Amino acid sequence: MSAPADSLVRDIYNAFQRAELDEDFMGLAPTGREGTSVETMLLTFREHKVTRIDVADNTVELPLYLWARGWPNPHGIRPEPIITGVDRRRITAE
């Protein structure tokens, strides 16, 4: 990155993961099932160092997986957005 040292810089990375439960995992017996996960990681840099990491899971299967096993899963949480976009419908032509 070529930003000045005192500036705030954010960079977004997307990760795709594929996994198969083929050995014991946290007390779960192997099932042989395969799954995928898509995650987005937002890195915040200050003075050329990562100062914050935010991760979002974009996979619908994870909450269903937790719910099916009776594991705790937060509901009705509406955190403040980390990144907001521009509503282009409100921009008028000049």
Protein backbone atom coordinates (compact mmCIF):
# COMPACT_ATOMS: atom_id res chain seq x y z
CA MET A 1 0.00 0.00 0.00
CA SER A 2 1.27 3.45 -0.80
CA ALA A 3 -0.91 5.49 1.58
CA PRO A 4 0.70 8.01 3.96
CA ALA A 5 1.78 6.49 7.27
CA ASP A 6 -0.83 8.35 9.35
CA SER A 7 -3.81 7.53 7.13
CA LEU A 8 -6.55 4.97 7.77
CA VAL A 9 -6.67 2.24 5.14
CA ARG A 10 -9.13 -0.64 4.84
CA ASP A 11 -8.76 -3.68 2.64
CA ILE A 12 -11.28 -6.47 2.05
CA TYR A 13 -10.44 -10.13 1.47
CA ASN A 14 -12.87 -12.89 0.59
CA ALA A 15 -12.11 -16.50 1.48
CA PHE A 16 -13.75 -19.66 0.21
CA GLN A 17 -13.21 -22.78 2.30
CA ARG A 18 -14.15 -26.38 1.66
CA ALA A 19 -14.08 -28.91 4.48
CA GLU A 20 -15.01 -32.51 5.16
CA LEU A 21 -15.73 -33.87 8.63
CA ASP A 22 -13.62 -37.01 8.40
CA GLU A 23 -12.23 -37.12 11.95
CA ASP A 24 -13.43 -36.26 15.46
CA PHE A 25 -14.02 -32.50 15.84
CA MET A 26 -14.89 -30.98 19.23
CA GLY A 27 -16.71 -34.15 20.28
CA LEU A 28 -18.50 -34.65 16.96
CA ALA A 29 -18.00 -38.02 15.34
CA PRO A 30 -16.92 -38.05 11.68
CA THR A 31 -19.82 -37.87 9.25
CA GLY A 32 -18.00 -37.74 5.91
CA ARG A 33 -20.21 -34.77 4.97
CA GLU A 34 -18.64 -31.95 3.00
CA GLY A 35 -19.33 -28.27 3.42
CA THR A 36 -18.24 -24.91 2.15
CA SER A 37 -17.90 -21.54 3.78
CA VAL A 38 -17.48 -18.07 2.34
CA GLU A 39 -16.08 -15.43 4.67
CA THR A 40 -15.20 -11.78 4.25
CA MET A 41 -12.38 -10.26 6.24
CA LEU A 42 -11.99 -6.50 6.60
CA LEU A 43 -8.52 -5.40 7.68
CA THR A 44 -8.01 -1.91 9.10
CA PHE A 45 -4.49 -0.50 8.82
CA ARG A 46 -2.95 2.46 10.65
CA GLU A 47 0.66 3.42 10.22
CA HIS A 48 1.18 0.35 8.00
CA LYS A 49 0.03 -2.08 10.73
CA VAL A 50 -3.17 -4.07 11.02
CA THR A 51 -5.07 -2.51 13.92
CA ARG A 52 -8.41 -4.30 13.56
CA ILE A 53 -9.77 -7.44 11.91
CA ASP A 54 -13.50 -7.89 11.30
CA VAL A 55 -14.77 -11.19 9.89
CA ALA A 56 -18.22 -11.90 8.48
CA ASP A 57 -19.53 -15.36 7.63
CA ASN A 58 -21.57 -15.25 4.43
CA THR A 59 -22.69 -18.88 4.61
CA VAL A 60 -26.30 -19.68 5.44
CA GLU A 61 -25.44 -23.23 6.51
CA LEU A 62 -23.62 -22.26 9.72
CA PRO A 63 -26.68 -20.97 11.68
CA LEU A 64 -28.70 -23.96 10.48
CA TYR A 65 -25.93 -26.31 11.59
CA LEU A 66 -25.80 -24.74 15.07
CA TRP A 67 -29.60 -24.70 15.41
CA ALA A 68 -29.93 -28.37 14.37
CA ARG A 69 -27.59 -29.35 17.20
CA GLY A 70 -29.21 -27.12 19.82
CA TRP A 71 -26.04 -25.04 20.13
CA PRO A 72 -26.29 -21.35 21.07
CA ASN A 73 -26.69 -19.04 18.11
CA PRO A 74 -27.43 -15.32 18.51
CA HIS A 75 -30.74 -14.10 17.08
CA GLY A 76 -32.10 -10.63 16.35
CA ILE A 77 -28.72 -8.91 16.60
CA ARG A 78 -28.29 -5.80 14.46
CA PRO A 79 -24.73 -4.52 14.83
CA GLU A 80 -23.71 -1.17 13.43
CA PRO A 81 -22.42 -1.54 9.85
CA ILE A 82 -18.67 -1.60 9.46
CA ILE A 83 -18.87 -0.34 5.88
CA THR A 84 -21.72 1.60 4.35
CA GLY A 85 -22.35 2.23 0.71
CA VAL A 86 -23.76 5.16 -1.18
CA ASP A 87 -27.47 5.00 -2.03
CA ARG A 88 -27.15 6.03 -5.66
CA ARG A 89 -30.92 6.30 -6.01
CA ARG A 90 -30.71 9.51 -3.98
CA ILE A 91 -28.04 11.09 -6.17
CA THR A 92 -29.59 13.43 -8.70
CA ALA A 93 -28.06 14.36 -12.01
CA GLU A 94 -26.69 17.88 -12.07
